[in-house]
Amino acid sequence: MKETSDHLNDLQEIRSLMERSSRFISLSGLSGIVAGLFALIGAAVAYWYLDMKLNGRNDYLYKLSEREFYTFFFADAAIVLFLALSAGVFFTVRQAKRKQQKIWDKTSKRLLINMAIPLAVGGYFCLVLLFNGVVGLIAPATLIFYGLALLNASKFTLEDIRYLAFCEIGLGIVNTLYTGYGLLFWAFGFGVLHIVYGTVMYFKYEK
């Protein structure tokens, strides 16, 4: 009986080693929570800016200030992205040290490459939409391509991230039917879903 138990323990250890070698498992749930909070703050600032600038203004003035709007929104998104990535790196490095896992190896490289390709294509597509004046589809496009990036990278990290990917893609598809609510969908996708996902991951793997 003891010998059978030892064999089972050995098999579990081998499986654990194989899992570590083929998947980057140091992604922290806290990074998702913090990224979600930054996204909600960024969306709130964008909503405040829109309300302040458009309240009482006619279409003529709105067209004159389009460049100002785009500049603000890109700056707002860039700041949110920078803060979210910084938080992600910080918590992931901390988690990797706890698990005694290397930060930069073949698995993490594959993870980043597989995630970067859909994001790069999505970024280009969003610029094309912007230059052609199809602004209403930019928010759903970011959600869909981000979801595809997560789905593509899920082969190299925790499989739970696939659920977040499907939610982002589905939310983006629904948003294409309600383009006038892009900011709300964006806030829910990058804010609320990240917080929910990060909380689940934290209590499941880190608590």
N, C-alpha and C. Protein backbone atom coordinates (compact mmCIF):
# COMPACT_ATOMS: atom_id res chain seq x y z
N MET A 1 0.83 -1.21 0.00
CA MET A 1 0.00 0.00 0.00
C MET A 1 0.87 1.25 0.00
N LYS A 2 1.91 1.24 0.85
CA LYS A 2 2.81 2.37 0.93
C LYS A 2 3.56 2.58 -0.38
N GLU A 3 3.90 1.46 -1.02
CA GLU A 3 4.61 1.53 -2.29
C GLU A 3 3.75 2.16 -3.37
N THR A 4 2.46 1.82 -3.37
CA THR A 4 1.53 2.42 -4.33
C THR A 4 1.40 3.92 -4.11
N SER A 5 1.34 4.30 -2.82
CA SER A 5 1.24 5.72 -2.48
C SER A 5 2.48 6.47 -2.94
N ASP A 6 3.65 5.85 -2.78
CA ASP A 6 4.89 6.49 -3.21
C ASP A 6 4.91 6.69 -4.72
N HIS A 7 4.41 5.69 -5.44
CA HIS A 7 4.36 5.80 -6.91
C HIS A 7 3.43 6.93 -7.34
N LEU A 8 2.29 7.06 -6.64
CA LEU A 8 1.36 8.14 -6.96
C LEU A 8 1.98 9.50 -6.70
N ASN A 9 2.72 9.60 -5.59
CA ASN A 9 3.39 10.85 -5.27
C ASN A 9 4.44 11.20 -6.33
N ASP A 10 5.16 10.16 -6.78
CA ASP A 10 6.17 10.37 -7.81
C ASP A 10 5.53 10.85 -9.11
N LEU A 11 4.39 10.24 -9.47
CA LEU A 11 3.69 10.64 -10.69
C LEU A 11 3.18 12.08 -10.60
N GLN A 12 2.69 12.46 -9.42
CA GLN A 12 2.22 13.82 -9.22
C GLN A 12 3.37 14.82 -9.32
N GLU A 13 4.53 14.43 -8.80
CA GLU A 13 5.70 15.29 -8.87
C GLU A 13 6.17 15.46 -10.31
N ILE A 14 6.16 14.36 -11.06
CA ILE A 14 6.55 14.42 -12.47
C ILE A 14 5.58 15.31 -13.25
N ARG A 15 4.30 15.14 -12.97
CA ARG A 15 3.29 15.95 -13.64
C ARG A 15 3.47 17.42 -13.32
N SER A 16 3.79 17.70 -12.06
CA SER A 16 4.01 19.09 -11.64
C SER A 16 5.21 19.69 -12.36
N LEU A 17 6.29 18.91 -12.50
CA LEU A 17 7.48 19.39 -13.19
C LEU A 17 7.20 19.65 -14.67
N MET A 18 6.42 18.75 -15.28
CA MET A 18 6.07 18.93 -16.69
C MET A 18 5.19 20.16 -16.88
N GLU A 19 4.30 20.38 -15.92
CA GLU A 19 3.43 21.56 -15.98
C GLU A 19 4.24 22.83 -15.89
N ARG A 20 5.22 22.86 -15.01
CA ARG A 20 6.06 24.04 -14.85
C ARG A 20 6.91 24.29 -16.08
N SER A 21 7.36 23.21 -16.73
CA SER A 21 8.24 23.37 -17.88
C SER A 21 7.49 23.79 -19.13
N SER A 22 6.21 23.48 -19.22
CA SER A 22 5.45 23.77 -20.44
C SER A 22 4.49 24.95 -20.29
N ARG A 23 4.24 25.40 -19.06
CA ARG A 23 3.31 26.51 -18.84
C ARG A 23 3.90 27.53 -17.88
N PHE A 24 3.63 28.80 -18.18
CA PHE A 24 4.05 29.87 -17.29
C PHE A 24 2.94 30.08 -16.26
N ILE A 25 3.16 29.60 -15.04
CA ILE A 25 2.08 29.57 -14.04
C ILE A 25 2.24 30.64 -12.96
N SER A 26 3.08 31.64 -13.22
CA SER A 26 3.34 32.65 -12.20
C SER A 26 2.51 33.92 -12.39
N LEU A 27 1.57 33.89 -13.32
CA LEU A 27 0.69 35.06 -13.48
C LEU A 27 -0.11 35.26 -12.20
N SER A 28 -0.10 36.48 -11.68
CA SER A 28 -0.75 36.75 -10.40
C SER A 28 -2.16 37.28 -10.57
N GLY A 29 -3.06 36.78 -9.74
CA GLY A 29 -4.42 37.29 -9.75
C GLY A 29 -4.49 38.74 -9.34
N LEU A 30 -3.58 39.16 -8.48
CA LEU A 30 -3.56 40.55 -8.03
C LEU A 30 -3.30 41.51 -9.18
N SER A 31 -2.49 41.07 -10.16
CA SER A 31 -2.22 41.93 -11.31
C SER A 31 -3.50 42.17 -12.11
N GLY A 32 -4.36 41.15 -12.21
CA GLY A 32 -5.64 41.32 -12.89
C GLY A 32 -6.55 42.28 -12.16
N ILE A 33 -6.56 42.18 -10.83
CA ILE A 33 -7.40 43.08 -10.02
C ILE A 33 -6.96 44.52 -10.18
N VAL A 34 -5.65 44.75 -10.07
CA VAL A 34 -5.13 46.12 -10.17
C VAL A 34 -5.34 46.67 -11.58
N ALA A 35 -5.11 45.83 -12.61
CA ALA A 35 -5.33 46.27 -13.99
C ALA A 35 -6.79 46.66 -14.20
N GLY A 36 -7.70 45.88 -13.63
CA GLY A 36 -9.12 46.20 -13.74
C GLY A 36 -9.47 47.52 -13.07
N LEU A 37 -8.87 47.78 -11.92
CA LEU A 37 -9.12 49.04 -11.22
C LEU A 37 -8.61 50.23 -12.03
N PHE A 38 -7.42 50.08 -12.62
CA PHE A 38 -6.87 51.16 -13.46
C PHE A 38 -7.77 51.41 -14.67
N ALA A 39 -8.30 50.33 -15.25
CA ALA A 39 -9.19 50.47 -16.42
C ALA A 39 -10.46 51.20 -16.04
N LEU A 40 -11.03 50.90 -14.87
CA LEU A 40 -12.24 51.59 -14.44
C LEU A 40 -11.98 53.07 -14.17
N ILE A 41 -10.82 53.36 -13.58
CA ILE A 41 -10.46 54.76 -13.34
C ILE A 41 -10.30 55.49 -14.67
N GLY A 42 -9.60 54.84 -15.62
CA GLY A 42 -9.42 55.45 -16.93
C GLY A 42 -10.74 55.69 -17.65
N ALA A 43 -11.66 54.74 -17.55
CA ALA A 43 -12.98 54.89 -18.17
C ALA A 43 -13.77 56.01 -17.51
N ALA A 44 -13.67 56.11 -16.17
CA ALA A 44 -14.37 57.18 -15.45
C ALA A 44 -13.85 58.55 -15.86
N VAL A 45 -12.53 58.66 -16.02
CA VAL A 45 -11.93 59.93 -16.45
C VAL A 45 -12.40 60.28 -17.87
N ALA A 46 -12.44 59.27 -18.76
CA ALA A 46 -12.90 59.50 -20.13
C ALA A 46 -14.36 59.94 -20.15
N TYR A 47 -15.18 59.30 -19.31
CA TYR A 47 -16.60 59.66 -19.25
C TYR A 47 -16.77 61.09 -18.75
N TRP A 48 -16.00 61.45 -17.72
CA TRP A 48 -16.06 62.82 -17.19
C TRP A 48 -15.64 63.82 -18.24
N TYR A 49 -14.62 63.49 -19.01
CA TYR A 49 -14.12 64.40 -20.04
C TYR A 49 -15.16 64.60 -21.14
N LEU A 50 -15.77 63.49 -21.57
CA LEU A 50 -16.81 63.58 -22.59
C LEU A 50 -17.98 64.42 -22.11
N ASP A 51 -18.42 64.18 -20.90
CA ASP A 51 -19.56 64.91 -20.35
C ASP A 51 -19.25 66.40 -20.25
N MET A 52 -18.02 66.72 -19.86
CA MET A 52 -17.63 68.11 -19.69
C MET A 52 -17.52 68.82 -21.04
N LYS A 53 -16.95 68.13 -22.04
CA LYS A 53 -16.70 68.77 -23.33
C LYS A 53 -17.94 68.84 -24.22
N LEU A 54 -18.80 67.83 -24.14
CA LEU A 54 -19.92 67.77 -25.07
C LEU A 54 -21.20 68.40 -24.52
N ASN A 55 -21.24 68.67 -23.25
CA ASN A 55 -22.45 69.22 -22.66
C ASN A 55 -22.74 70.62 -23.20
N GLY A 56 -23.82 70.70 -23.97
CA GLY A 56 -24.22 72.01 -24.49
C GLY A 56 -23.51 72.43 -25.76
N ARG A 57 -22.68 71.54 -26.35
CA ARG A 57 -21.96 71.93 -27.56
C ARG A 57 -22.67 71.39 -28.80
N ASN A 58 -22.63 72.14 -29.89
CA ASN A 58 -23.29 71.67 -31.12
C ASN A 58 -22.34 70.84 -31.97
N ASP A 59 -22.85 70.27 -33.05
CA ASP A 59 -22.06 69.37 -33.89
C ASP A 59 -20.87 70.09 -34.53
N TYR A 60 -21.03 71.36 -34.85
CA TYR A 60 -19.95 72.10 -35.51
C TYR A 60 -18.73 72.19 -34.59
N LEU A 61 -18.99 72.56 -33.34
CA LEU A 61 -17.89 72.64 -32.38
C LEU A 61 -17.30 71.25 -32.11
N TYR A 62 -18.16 70.24 -32.11
CA TYR A 62 -17.69 68.88 -31.86
C TYR A 62 -16.71 68.45 -32.96
N LYS A 63 -17.05 68.77 -34.22
CA LYS A 63 -16.17 68.38 -35.32
C LYS A 63 -14.84 69.13 -35.25
N LEU A 64 -14.89 70.37 -34.82
CA LEU A 64 -13.66 71.14 -34.70
C LEU A 64 -12.73 70.56 -33.63
N SER A 65 -13.29 69.89 -32.64
CA SER A 65 -12.48 69.42 -31.52
C SER A 65 -12.22 67.90 -31.56
N GLU A 66 -12.46 67.26 -32.73
CA GLU A 66 -12.25 65.82 -32.82
C GLU A 66 -10.81 65.44 -32.50
N ARG A 67 -9.86 66.21 -33.02
CA ARG A 67 -8.45 65.90 -32.79
C ARG A 67 -8.13 65.95 -31.30
N GLU A 68 -8.71 66.93 -30.62
CA GLU A 68 -8.50 67.05 -29.18
C GLU A 68 -9.04 65.83 -28.45
N PHE A 69 -10.21 65.36 -28.87
CA PHE A 69 -10.80 64.17 -28.24
C PHE A 69 -9.90 62.94 -28.44
N TYR A 70 -9.47 62.71 -29.67
CA TYR A 70 -8.65 61.55 -29.96
C TYR A 70 -7.34 61.58 -29.18
N THR A 71 -6.74 62.77 -29.11
CA THR A 71 -5.49 62.91 -28.37
C THR A 71 -5.69 62.55 -26.90
N PHE A 72 -6.79 63.04 -26.34
CA PHE A 72 -7.06 62.75 -24.93
C PHE A 72 -7.29 61.26 -24.70
N PHE A 73 -8.10 60.64 -25.55
CA PHE A 73 -8.42 59.23 -25.35
C PHE A 73 -7.21 58.33 -25.53
N PHE A 74 -6.36 58.65 -26.50
CA PHE A 74 -5.14 57.86 -26.68
C PHE A 74 -4.21 58.03 -25.48
N ALA A 75 -4.11 59.25 -24.96
CA ALA A 75 -3.28 59.50 -23.79
C ALA A 75 -3.83 58.76 -22.57
N ASP A 76 -5.14 58.79 -22.42
CA ASP A 76 -5.80 58.11 -21.31
C ASP A 76 -5.56 56.60 -21.40
N ALA A 77 -5.75 56.03 -22.59
CA ALA A 77 -5.54 54.59 -22.78
C ALA A 77 -4.08 54.21 -22.57
N ALA A 78 -3.16 55.06 -23.03
CA ALA A 78 -1.73 54.77 -22.89
C ALA A 78 -1.32 54.75 -21.42
N ILE A 79 -1.85 55.68 -20.64
CA ILE A 79 -1.53 55.74 -19.21
C ILE A 79 -2.08 54.50 -18.49
N VAL A 80 -3.32 54.13 -18.81
CA VAL A 80 -3.93 52.94 -18.22
C VAL A 80 -3.13 51.70 -18.58
N LEU A 81 -2.72 51.59 -19.85
CA LEU A 81 -1.94 50.43 -20.30
C LEU A 81 -0.60 50.37 -19.58
N PHE A 82 0.07 51.51 -19.45
CA PHE A 82 1.37 51.55 -18.77
C PHE A 82 1.25 51.12 -17.30
N LEU A 83 0.24 51.67 -16.61
CA LEU A 83 0.05 51.33 -15.20
C LEU A 83 -0.33 49.86 -15.03
N ALA A 84 -1.19 49.35 -15.92
CA ALA A 84 -1.61 47.95 -15.84
C ALA A 84 -0.44 47.01 -16.10
N LEU A 85 0.38 47.32 -17.11
CA LEU A 85 1.55 46.48 -17.41
C LEU A 85 2.57 46.53 -16.27
N SER A 86 2.76 47.71 -15.69
CA SER A 86 3.69 47.85 -14.57
C SER A 86 3.24 47.01 -13.39
N ALA A 87 1.95 47.07 -13.09
CA ALA A 87 1.41 46.26 -12.00
C ALA A 87 1.54 44.78 -12.32
N GLY A 88 1.27 44.41 -13.58
CA GLY A 88 1.38 43.01 -13.98
C GLY A 88 2.79 42.48 -13.82
N VAL A 89 3.77 43.26 -14.25
CA VAL A 89 5.17 42.85 -14.11
C VAL A 89 5.55 42.71 -12.64
N PHE A 90 5.15 43.69 -11.83
CA PHE A 90 5.50 43.66 -10.41
C PHE A 90 4.96 42.41 -9.71
N PHE A 91 3.65 42.17 -9.86
CA PHE A 91 3.03 41.04 -9.16
C PHE A 91 3.46 39.70 -9.74
N THR A 92 3.72 39.65 -11.05
CA THR A 92 4.16 38.41 -11.66
C THR A 92 5.57 38.05 -11.21
N VAL A 93 6.46 39.04 -11.14
CA VAL A 93 7.82 38.80 -10.65
C VAL A 93 7.79 38.31 -9.21
N ARG A 94 6.95 38.94 -8.41
CA ARG A 94 6.83 38.53 -7.01
C ARG A 94 6.31 37.10 -6.89
N GLN A 95 5.31 36.77 -7.72
CA GLN A 95 4.74 35.43 -7.70
C GLN A 95 5.76 34.40 -8.18
N ALA A 96 6.54 34.75 -9.20
CA ALA A 96 7.54 33.83 -9.72
C ALA A 96 8.63 33.55 -8.68
N LYS A 97 9.01 34.55 -7.93
CA LYS A 97 10.01 34.34 -6.88
C LYS A 97 9.48 33.41 -5.79
N ARG A 98 8.21 33.56 -5.47
CA ARG A 98 7.61 32.68 -4.47
C ARG A 98 7.60 31.23 -4.93
N LYS A 99 7.33 31.03 -6.23
CA LYS A 99 7.26 29.67 -6.77
C LYS A 99 8.61 29.17 -7.28
N GLN A 100 9.62 30.04 -7.13
CA GLN A 100 10.97 29.70 -7.58
C GLN A 100 10.97 29.33 -9.07
N GLN A 101 10.28 30.13 -9.87
CA GLN A 101 10.21 29.91 -11.30
C GLN A 101 10.90 31.05 -12.03
N LYS A 102 11.57 30.73 -13.12
CA LYS A 102 12.25 31.74 -13.92
C LYS A 102 11.22 32.65 -14.59
N ILE A 103 11.55 33.93 -14.65
CA ILE A 103 10.66 34.89 -15.30
C ILE A 103 10.80 34.80 -16.81
N TRP A 104 12.02 34.73 -17.30
CA TRP A 104 12.27 34.77 -18.73
C TRP A 104 12.86 33.45 -19.19
N ASP A 105 12.04 32.60 -19.77
CA ASP A 105 12.49 31.33 -20.32
C ASP A 105 11.73 31.06 -21.62
N LYS A 106 11.86 29.86 -22.17
CA LYS A 106 11.20 29.54 -23.44
C LYS A 106 9.68 29.65 -23.33
N THR A 107 9.15 29.23 -22.18
CA THR A 107 7.69 29.26 -22.02
C THR A 107 7.15 30.69 -21.98
N SER A 108 7.81 31.56 -21.20
CA SER A 108 7.35 32.95 -21.12
C SER A 108 7.52 33.67 -22.46
N LYS A 109 8.57 33.31 -23.21
CA LYS A 109 8.76 33.89 -24.55
C LYS A 109 7.62 33.49 -25.47
N ARG A 110 7.27 32.20 -25.44
CA ARG A 110 6.16 31.73 -26.28
C ARG A 110 4.85 32.39 -25.88
N LEU A 111 4.67 32.57 -24.57
CA LEU A 111 3.46 33.23 -24.08
C LEU A 111 3.35 34.64 -24.64
N LEU A 112 4.44 35.40 -24.55
CA LEU A 112 4.42 36.78 -25.01
C LEU A 112 4.25 36.88 -26.52
N ILE A 113 4.93 36.01 -27.26
CA ILE A 113 4.83 36.04 -28.73
C ILE A 113 3.41 35.71 -29.18
N ASN A 114 2.82 34.67 -28.60
CA ASN A 114 1.48 34.27 -29.00
C ASN A 114 0.43 35.30 -28.60
N MET A 115 0.72 36.07 -27.57
CA MET A 115 -0.21 37.12 -27.16
C MET A 115 0.01 38.39 -27.98
N ALA A 116 1.27 38.64 -28.34
CA ALA A 116 1.60 39.88 -29.02
C ALA A 116 1.08 39.93 -30.46
N ILE A 117 1.05 38.79 -31.13
CA ILE A 117 0.63 38.79 -32.54
C ILE A 117 -0.81 39.26 -32.71
N PRO A 118 -1.81 38.69 -32.01
CA PRO A 118 -3.18 39.21 -32.15
C PRO A 118 -3.31 40.65 -31.68
N LEU A 119 -2.54 41.04 -30.66
CA LEU A 119 -2.62 42.42 -30.17
C LEU A 119 -2.09 43.40 -31.21
N ALA A 120 -0.98 43.02 -31.88
CA ALA A 120 -0.41 43.89 -32.91
C ALA A 120 -1.37 44.03 -34.09
N VAL A 121 -1.95 42.92 -34.53
CA VAL A 121 -2.93 42.95 -35.63
C VAL A 121 -4.15 43.78 -35.22
N GLY A 122 -4.61 43.59 -33.98
CA GLY A 122 -5.75 44.35 -33.49
C GLY A 122 -5.46 45.84 -33.42
N GLY A 123 -4.25 46.19 -32.98
CA GLY A 123 -3.86 47.60 -32.92
C GLY A 123 -3.87 48.24 -34.31
N TYR A 124 -3.34 47.50 -35.28
CA TYR A 124 -3.34 48.00 -36.67
C TYR A 124 -4.77 48.17 -37.19
N PHE A 125 -5.60 47.18 -36.89
CA PHE A 125 -6.99 47.23 -37.35
C PHE A 125 -7.72 48.43 -36.74
N CYS A 126 -7.48 48.70 -35.47
CA CYS A 126 -8.12 49.84 -34.81
C CYS A 126 -7.66 51.17 -35.41
N LEU A 127 -6.38 51.25 -35.80
CA LEU A 127 -5.89 52.47 -36.46
C LEU A 127 -6.57 52.66 -37.82
N VAL A 128 -6.76 51.56 -38.54
CA VAL A 128 -7.46 51.62 -39.82
C VAL A 128 -8.89 52.12 -39.62
N LEU A 129 -9.56 51.61 -38.58
CA LEU A 129 -10.92 52.07 -38.27
C LEU A 129 -10.93 53.56 -37.96
N LEU A 130 -9.94 54.00 -37.20
CA LEU A 130 -9.86 55.41 -36.82
C LEU A 130 -9.67 56.30 -38.05
N PHE A 131 -8.74 55.93 -38.92
CA PHE A 131 -8.44 56.74 -40.10
C PHE A 131 -9.60 56.77 -41.09
N ASN A 132 -10.44 55.75 -41.04
CA ASN A 132 -11.60 55.70 -41.92
C ASN A 132 -12.86 56.23 -41.26
N GLY A 133 -12.72 56.74 -40.04
CA GLY A 133 -13.85 57.35 -39.35
C GLY A 133 -14.85 56.39 -38.76
N VAL A 134 -14.49 55.10 -38.67
CA VAL A 134 -15.41 54.12 -38.08
C VAL A 134 -15.07 53.97 -36.59
N VAL A 135 -15.27 55.04 -35.86
CA VAL A 135 -14.84 55.10 -34.46
C VAL A 135 -15.67 54.17 -33.58
N GLY A 136 -16.93 53.96 -33.92
CA GLY A 136 -17.81 53.16 -33.08
C GLY A 136 -17.39 51.71 -32.95
N LEU A 137 -16.57 51.22 -33.89
CA LEU A 137 -16.16 49.82 -33.83
C LEU A 137 -14.80 49.62 -33.15
N ILE A 138 -14.17 50.70 -32.72
CA ILE A 138 -12.85 50.57 -32.10
C ILE A 138 -12.94 49.84 -30.76
N ALA A 139 -13.90 50.22 -29.92
CA ALA A 139 -14.05 49.58 -28.61
C ALA A 139 -14.32 48.08 -28.74
N PRO A 140 -15.31 47.65 -29.55
CA PRO A 140 -15.52 46.21 -29.70
C PRO A 140 -14.33 45.49 -30.31
N ALA A 141 -13.61 46.16 -31.22
CA ALA A 141 -12.43 45.54 -31.84
C ALA A 141 -11.34 45.29 -30.80
N THR A 142 -11.14 46.24 -29.88
CA THR A 142 -10.12 46.03 -28.85
C THR A 142 -10.48 44.86 -27.94
N LEU A 143 -11.76 44.72 -27.62
CA LEU A 143 -12.21 43.61 -26.78
C LEU A 143 -12.03 42.27 -27.49
N ILE A 144 -12.41 42.21 -28.76
CA ILE A 144 -12.32 40.96 -29.51
C ILE A 144 -10.88 40.53 -29.70
N PHE A 145 -10.02 41.45 -30.14
CA PHE A 145 -8.63 41.08 -30.38
C PHE A 145 -7.89 40.78 -29.08
N TYR A 146 -8.26 41.47 -28.00
CA TYR A 146 -7.66 41.15 -26.70
C TYR A 146 -8.07 39.75 -26.27
N GLY A 147 -9.34 39.42 -26.46
CA GLY A 147 -9.80 38.07 -26.14
C GLY A 147 -9.09 37.01 -26.97
N LEU A 148 -8.89 37.29 -28.26
CA LEU A 148 -8.16 36.35 -29.12
C LEU A 148 -6.71 36.20 -28.66
N ALA A 149 -6.11 37.29 -28.20
CA ALA A 149 -4.74 37.23 -27.70
C ALA A 149 -4.66 36.35 -26.45
N LEU A 150 -5.62 36.51 -25.55
CA LEU A 150 -5.65 35.67 -24.34
C LEU A 150 -5.85 34.20 -24.70
N LEU A 151 -6.74 33.96 -25.65
CA LEU A 151 -7.02 32.59 -26.07
C LEU A 151 -5.79 31.95 -26.71
N ASN A 152 -5.09 32.73 -27.50
CA ASN A 152 -3.89 32.23 -28.17
C ASN A 152 -2.77 31.94 -27.17
N ALA A 153 -2.71 32.74 -26.10
CA ALA A 153 -1.65 32.57 -25.10
C ALA A 153 -2.01 31.55 -24.03
N SER A 154 -3.26 31.11 -23.99
CA SER A 154 -3.70 30.21 -22.92
C SER A 154 -3.01 28.86 -22.97
N LYS A 155 -2.44 28.51 -24.12
CA LYS A 155 -1.72 27.23 -24.23
C LYS A 155 -0.45 27.22 -23.40
N PHE A 156 0.01 28.39 -23.00
CA PHE A 156 1.29 28.49 -22.30
C PHE A 156 1.15 29.02 -20.88
N THR A 157 -0.06 29.08 -20.37
CA THR A 157 -0.26 29.53 -18.99
C THR A 157 -1.47 28.79 -18.41
N LEU A 158 -2.01 29.29 -17.33
CA LEU A 158 -3.15 28.63 -16.69
C LEU A 158 -4.35 28.59 -17.64
N GLU A 159 -5.01 27.44 -17.72
CA GLU A 159 -6.13 27.28 -18.64
C GLU A 159 -7.33 28.15 -18.26
N ASP A 160 -7.37 28.58 -17.00
CA ASP A 160 -8.49 29.42 -16.54
C ASP A 160 -8.62 30.70 -17.34
N ILE A 161 -7.50 31.13 -17.93
CA ILE A 161 -7.52 32.39 -18.67
C ILE A 161 -8.39 32.29 -19.91
N ARG A 162 -8.69 31.05 -20.35
CA ARG A 162 -9.56 30.85 -21.51
C ARG A 162 -10.96 31.39 -21.23
N TYR A 163 -11.42 31.27 -19.98
CA TYR A 163 -12.76 31.78 -19.64
C TYR A 163 -12.81 33.30 -19.80
N LEU A 164 -11.74 33.96 -19.36
CA LEU A 164 -11.67 35.41 -19.54
C LEU A 164 -11.64 35.75 -21.02
N ALA A 165 -10.89 34.96 -21.79
CA ALA A 165 -10.80 35.21 -23.24
C ALA A 165 -12.17 35.12 -23.91
N PHE A 166 -12.93 34.07 -23.59
CA PHE A 166 -14.25 33.89 -24.20
C PHE A 166 -15.19 35.03 -23.80
N CYS A 167 -15.08 35.47 -22.56
CA CYS A 167 -15.94 36.58 -22.09
C CYS A 167 -15.61 37.87 -22.84
N GLU A 168 -14.30 38.15 -23.04
CA GLU A 168 -13.89 39.36 -23.75
C GLU A 168 -14.37 39.32 -25.20
N ILE A 169 -14.20 38.17 -25.86
CA ILE A 169 -14.64 38.04 -27.26
C ILE A 169 -16.15 38.20 -27.37
N GLY A 170 -16.88 37.52 -26.49
CA GLY A 170 -18.34 37.63 -26.51
C GLY A 170 -18.82 39.03 -26.25
N LEU A 171 -18.18 39.70 -25.30
CA LEU A 171 -18.57 41.09 -24.99
C LEU A 171 -18.31 42.00 -26.18
N GLY A 172 -17.17 41.78 -26.86
CA GLY A 172 -16.86 42.59 -28.03
C GLY A 172 -17.86 42.38 -29.15
N ILE A 173 -18.29 41.13 -29.35
CA ILE A 173 -19.27 40.83 -30.39
C ILE A 173 -20.60 41.52 -30.09
N VAL A 174 -21.02 41.47 -28.83
CA VAL A 174 -22.28 42.14 -28.45
C VAL A 174 -22.14 43.65 -28.63
N ASN A 175 -20.96 44.18 -28.33
CA ASN A 175 -20.72 45.61 -28.45
C ASN A 175 -20.86 46.10 -29.90
N THR A 176 -20.60 45.22 -30.88
CA THR A 176 -20.77 45.63 -32.28
C THR A 176 -22.23 45.96 -32.61
N LEU A 177 -23.14 45.45 -31.79
CA LEU A 177 -24.57 45.73 -32.00
C LEU A 177 -25.01 47.00 -31.28
N TYR A 178 -24.19 47.46 -30.33
CA TYR A 178 -24.52 48.66 -29.54
C TYR A 178 -23.28 49.57 -29.50
N THR A 179 -22.90 50.08 -30.66
CA THR A 179 -21.65 50.84 -30.77
C THR A 179 -21.68 52.14 -29.99
N GLY A 180 -22.86 52.64 -29.69
CA GLY A 180 -22.94 53.89 -28.93
C GLY A 180 -22.58 53.75 -27.47
N TYR A 181 -22.40 52.52 -27.01
CA TYR A 181 -22.07 52.27 -25.60
C TYR A 181 -20.67 51.67 -25.46
N GLY A 182 -19.80 52.03 -26.39
CA GLY A 182 -18.46 51.47 -26.41
C GLY A 182 -17.69 51.67 -25.11
N LEU A 183 -17.79 52.85 -24.52
CA LEU A 183 -17.06 53.14 -23.29
C LEU A 183 -17.52 52.26 -22.14
N LEU A 184 -18.82 52.01 -22.05
CA LEU A 184 -19.35 51.16 -20.99
C LEU A 184 -18.91 49.70 -21.19
N PHE A 185 -18.96 49.22 -22.44
CA PHE A 185 -18.50 47.86 -22.72
C PHE A 185 -17.01 47.73 -22.44
N TRP A 186 -16.26 48.75 -22.82
CA TRP A 186 -14.81 48.75 -22.59
C TRP A 186 -14.51 48.71 -21.10
N ALA A 187 -15.23 49.50 -20.32
CA ALA A 187 -15.03 49.52 -18.87
C ALA A 187 -15.37 48.18 -18.24
N PHE A 188 -16.45 47.56 -18.72
CA PHE A 188 -16.84 46.26 -18.18
C PHE A 188 -15.84 45.17 -18.57
N GLY A 189 -15.40 45.20 -19.83
CA GLY A 189 -14.48 44.17 -20.30
C GLY A 189 -13.11 44.25 -19.68
N PHE A 190 -12.51 45.43 -19.70
CA PHE A 190 -11.16 45.59 -19.18
C PHE A 190 -11.13 45.89 -17.69
N GLY A 191 -12.26 46.35 -17.16
CA GLY A 191 -12.30 46.67 -15.74
C GLY A 191 -12.92 45.57 -14.90
N VAL A 192 -14.23 45.42 -15.02
CA VAL A 192 -14.97 44.48 -14.16
C VAL A 192 -14.51 43.03 -14.38
N LEU A 193 -14.40 42.60 -15.64
CA LEU A 193 -14.01 41.21 -15.91
C LEU A 193 -12.61 40.90 -15.37
N HIS A 194 -11.70 41.86 -15.48
CA HIS A 194 -10.36 41.64 -14.94
C HIS A 194 -10.38 41.51 -13.42
N ILE A 195 -11.19 42.32 -12.78
CA ILE A 195 -11.27 42.26 -11.32
C ILE A 195 -11.86 40.93 -10.87
N VAL A 196 -12.93 40.49 -11.55
CA VAL A 196 -13.55 39.20 -11.22
C VAL A 196 -12.56 38.06 -11.46
N TYR A 197 -11.93 38.07 -12.64
CA TYR A 197 -10.96 37.02 -12.97
C TYR A 197 -9.79 37.01 -11.98
N GLY A 198 -9.24 38.18 -11.71
CA GLY A 198 -8.10 38.27 -10.80
C GLY A 198 -8.46 37.80 -9.40
N THR A 199 -9.66 38.13 -8.94
CA THR A 199 -10.10 37.69 -7.61
C THR A 199 -10.21 36.18 -7.54
N VAL A 200 -10.82 35.58 -8.57
CA VAL A 200 -10.95 34.12 -8.62
C VAL A 200 -9.58 33.45 -8.63
N MET A 201 -8.68 33.96 -9.45
CA MET A 201 -7.33 33.38 -9.54
C MET A 201 -6.56 33.52 -8.24
N TYR A 202 -6.75 34.64 -7.58
CA TYR A 202 -6.03 34.87 -6.32
C TYR A 202 -6.46 33.86 -5.27
N PHE A 203 -7.76 33.68 -5.09
CA PHE A 203 -8.23 32.76 -4.07
C PHE A 203 -8.04 31.29 -4.48
N LYS A 204 -7.93 31.04 -5.76
CA LYS A 204 -7.77 29.66 -6.23
C LYS A 204 -6.31 29.20 -6.17
N TYR A 205 -5.37 30.10 -6.48
CA TYR A 205 -3.98 29.67 -6.61
C TYR A 205 -3.01 30.34 -5.63
N GLU A 206 -3.40 31.48 -5.05
CA GLU A 206 -2.43 32.23 -4.26
C GLU A 206 -2.78 32.34 -2.79
N LYS A 207 -4.05 32.21 -2.46
CA LYS A 207 -4.48 32.39 -1.07
C LYS A 207 -4.06 31.20 -0.22
